[in-house]
Amino acid sequence: MLHRGMVKLIIGIMMLSYATNLFIFLIARITRGVPAIIGQTEEKLIPPYADPIPQALILTAIVIGFGIQAFAIVLIRKVYKVTGTSDMGMLNSSEKVD
């Protein structure tokens, strides 16, 4: 993520978001094979049950992350077409690169 190239920066941000999703997944202790809803014959959830909040957070994070990544890729492509470079250090200068 600390590299000056924009492509490597986006790849680093993608890896960070995947690591965050994995961290939420592991901390939430998501239970496999157990429903996250109350059955018709039950009044309340009886342990063990699957907590739907971490699952919803991870799914939302994946969708939002994909949208941000797609936007960043399009933005990098446009910046590269206009400036001719993907080096972030070169983008700070006011001179146009031919």
C-alpha atoms as a PDB file:
ATOM      1  CA  MET A   1       0.000   0.000   0.000  1.00  0.00           C
ATOM      2  CA  LEU A   2       2.921   2.341   0.528  1.00  0.00           C
ATOM      3  CA  HIS A   3       4.228   1.986  -3.019  1.00  0.00           C
ATOM      4  CA  ARG A   4       3.999   5.003  -5.304  1.00  0.00           C
ATOM      5  CA  GLY A   5       2.202   3.139  -8.093  1.00  0.00           C
ATOM      6  CA  MET A   6      -1.572   3.512  -8.123  1.00  0.00           C
ATOM      7  CA  VAL A   7      -2.233  -0.067  -9.217  1.00  0.00           C
ATOM      8  CA  LYS A   8      -0.278  -1.466  -6.282  1.00  0.00           C
ATOM      9  CA  LEU A   9      -2.097   0.958  -3.988  1.00  0.00           C
ATOM     10  CA  ILE A  10      -5.480  -0.378  -5.126  1.00  0.00           C
ATOM     11  CA  ILE A  11      -4.313  -3.981  -4.756  1.00  0.00           C
ATOM     12  CA  GLY A  12      -3.131  -3.164  -1.224  1.00  0.00           C
ATOM     13  CA  ILE A  13      -6.472  -1.590  -0.339  1.00  0.00           C
ATOM     14  CA  MET A  14      -8.284  -4.648  -1.732  1.00  0.00           C
ATOM     15  CA  MET A  15      -6.141  -6.966   0.386  1.00  0.00           C
ATOM     16  CA  LEU A  16      -6.791  -4.826   3.454  1.00  0.00           C
ATOM     17  CA  SER A  17     -10.548  -4.987   2.905  1.00  0.00           C
ATOM     18  CA  TYR A  18     -10.422  -8.779   2.455  1.00  0.00           C
ATOM     19  CA  ALA A  19      -8.392  -9.091   5.651  1.00  0.00           C
ATOM     20  CA  THR A  20     -10.946  -6.953   7.494  1.00  0.00           C
ATOM     21  CA  ASN A  21     -13.789  -9.155   6.265  1.00  0.00           C
ATOM     22  CA  LEU A  22     -11.909 -12.262   7.375  1.00  0.00           C
ATOM     23  CA  PHE A  23     -11.244 -10.674  10.776  1.00  0.00           C
ATOM     24  CA  ILE A  24     -14.960  -9.920  11.279  1.00  0.00           C
ATOM     25  CA  PHE A  25     -15.777 -13.454  10.150  1.00  0.00           C
ATOM     26  CA  LEU A  26     -13.382 -14.997  12.688  1.00  0.00           C
ATOM     27  CA  ILE A  27     -14.270 -12.730  15.609  1.00  0.00           C
ATOM     28  CA  ALA A  28     -18.017 -13.264  15.146  1.00  0.00           C
ATOM     29  CA  ARG A  29     -17.649 -17.041  15.552  1.00  0.00           C
ATOM     30  CA  ILE A  30     -20.086 -17.692  12.734  1.00  0.00           C
ATOM     31  CA  THR A  31     -21.855 -20.984  13.343  1.00  0.00           C
ATOM     32  CA  ARG A  32     -22.271 -23.365  10.413  1.00  0.00           C
ATOM     33  CA  GLY A  33     -25.393 -25.429   9.836  1.00  0.00           C
ATOM     34  CA  VAL A  34     -27.535 -23.554  12.356  1.00  0.00           C
ATOM     35  CA  PRO A  35     -30.324 -21.167  11.317  1.00  0.00           C
ATOM     36  CA  ALA A  36     -30.322 -17.470  12.162  1.00  0.00           C
ATOM     37  CA  ILE A  37     -34.110 -17.315  12.334  1.00  0.00           C
ATOM     38  CA  ILE A  38     -36.729 -18.367  14.888  1.00  0.00           C
ATOM     39  CA  GLY A  39     -38.678 -21.472  13.925  1.00  0.00           C
ATOM     40  CA  GLN A  40     -42.483 -21.565  13.758  1.00  0.00           C
ATOM     41  CA  THR A  41     -42.791 -23.605  16.940  1.00  0.00           C
ATOM     42  CA  GLU A  42     -40.303 -21.554  18.998  1.00  0.00           C
ATOM     43  CA  GLU A  43     -40.773 -18.372  20.999  1.00  0.00           C
ATOM     44  CA  LYS A  44     -37.082 -17.332  21.013  1.00  0.00           C
ATOM     45  CA  LEU A  45     -33.737 -18.472  19.658  1.00  0.00           C
ATOM     46  CA  ILE A  46     -32.124 -21.285  21.590  1.00  0.00           C
ATOM     47  CA  PRO A  47     -28.297 -21.547  21.496  1.00  0.00           C
ATOM     48  CA  PRO A  48     -26.447 -22.439  19.377  1.00  0.00           C
ATOM     49  CA  TYR A  49     -27.724 -20.109  16.704  1.00  0.00           C
ATOM     50  CA  ALA A  50     -26.112 -18.131  13.917  1.00  0.00           C
ATOM     51  CA  ASP A  51     -25.859 -14.396  14.543  1.00  0.00           C
ATOM     52  CA  PRO A  52     -27.082 -12.636  11.358  1.00  0.00           C
ATOM     53  CA  ILE A  53     -25.414  -9.270  12.091  1.00  0.00           C
ATOM     54  CA  PRO A  54     -21.802 -10.251  11.219  1.00  0.00           C
ATOM     55  CA  GLN A  55     -23.037 -12.045   8.125  1.00  0.00           C
ATOM     56  CA  ALA A  56     -24.909  -8.938   6.987  1.00  0.00           C
ATOM     57  CA  LEU A  57     -21.907  -6.708   7.751  1.00  0.00           C
ATOM     58  CA  ILE A  58     -19.542  -8.898   5.742  1.00  0.00           C
ATOM     59  CA  LEU A  59     -21.932  -9.131   2.786  1.00  0.00           C
ATOM     60  CA  THR A  60     -22.436  -5.359   2.798  1.00  0.00           C
ATOM     61  CA  ALA A  61     -18.675  -4.779   3.054  1.00  0.00           C
ATOM     62  CA  ILE A  62     -18.048  -7.059   0.080  1.00  0.00           C
ATOM     63  CA  VAL A  63     -20.588  -5.238  -2.084  1.00  0.00           C
ATOM     64  CA  ILE A  64     -19.393  -1.765  -1.101  1.00  0.00           C
ATOM     65  CA  GLY A  65     -15.754  -2.810  -1.485  1.00  0.00           C
ATOM     66  CA  PHE A  66     -16.414  -4.138  -4.985  1.00  0.00           C
ATOM     67  CA  GLY A  67     -18.057  -0.845  -5.967  1.00  0.00           C
ATOM     68  CA  ILE A  68     -15.174   1.211  -4.598  1.00  0.00           C
ATOM     69  CA  GLN A  69     -12.619  -1.016  -6.326  1.00  0.00           C
ATOM     70  CA  ALA A  70     -14.431  -0.711  -9.662  1.00  0.00           C
ATOM     71  CA  PHE A  71     -14.596   3.080  -9.282  1.00  0.00           C
ATOM     72  CA  ALA A  72     -10.900   3.260  -8.351  1.00  0.00           C
ATOM     73  CA  ILE A  73      -9.894   1.163 -11.361  1.00  0.00           C
ATOM     74  CA  VAL A  74     -11.866   3.422 -13.712  1.00  0.00           C
ATOM     75  CA  LEU A  75     -10.377   6.502 -12.030  1.00  0.00           C
ATOM     76  CA  ILE A  76      -6.825   5.152 -12.351  1.00  0.00           C
ATOM     77  CA  ARG A  77      -7.398   4.394 -16.019  1.00  0.00           C
ATOM     78  CA  LYS A  78      -8.646   7.942 -16.647  1.00  0.00           C
ATOM     79  CA  VAL A  79      -5.733   9.478 -14.737  1.00  0.00           C
ATOM     80  CA  TYR A  80      -3.290   7.339 -16.717  1.00  0.00           C
ATOM     81  CA  LYS A  81      -4.865   8.399 -20.028  1.00  0.00           C
ATOM     82  CA  VAL A  82      -4.726  12.088 -19.099  1.00  0.00           C
ATOM     83  CA  THR A  83      -1.287  12.208 -17.472  1.00  0.00           C
ATOM     84  CA  GLY A  84       0.517   9.265 -19.058  1.00  0.00           C
ATOM     85  CA  THR A  85       1.808   7.964 -15.720  1.00  0.00           C
ATOM     86  CA  SER A  86       0.551   5.932 -12.802  1.00  0.00           C
ATOM     87  CA  ASP A  87       3.316   7.072 -10.441  1.00  0.00           C
ATOM     88  CA  MET A  88       1.823   9.117  -7.614  1.00  0.00           C
ATOM     89  CA  GLY A  89       5.036  11.098  -7.187  1.00  0.00           C
ATOM     90  CA  MET A  90       4.844  12.301 -10.780  1.00  0.00           C
ATOM     91  CA  LEU A  91       1.227  13.440 -10.328  1.00  0.00           C
ATOM     92  CA  ASN A  92       2.263  16.103  -7.818  1.00  0.00           C
ATOM     93  CA  SER A  93       4.207  18.070 -10.412  1.00  0.00           C
ATOM     94  CA  SER A  94       2.409  20.691 -12.495  1.00  0.00           C
ATOM     95  CA  GLU A  95       4.313  19.854 -15.700  1.00  0.00           C
ATOM     96  CA  LYS A  96       2.647  17.615 -18.258  1.00  0.00           C
ATOM     97  CA  VAL A  97       4.476  14.383 -19.098  1.00  0.00           C
ATOM     98  CA  ASP A  98       4.651  13.609 -22.846  1.00  0.00           C
END
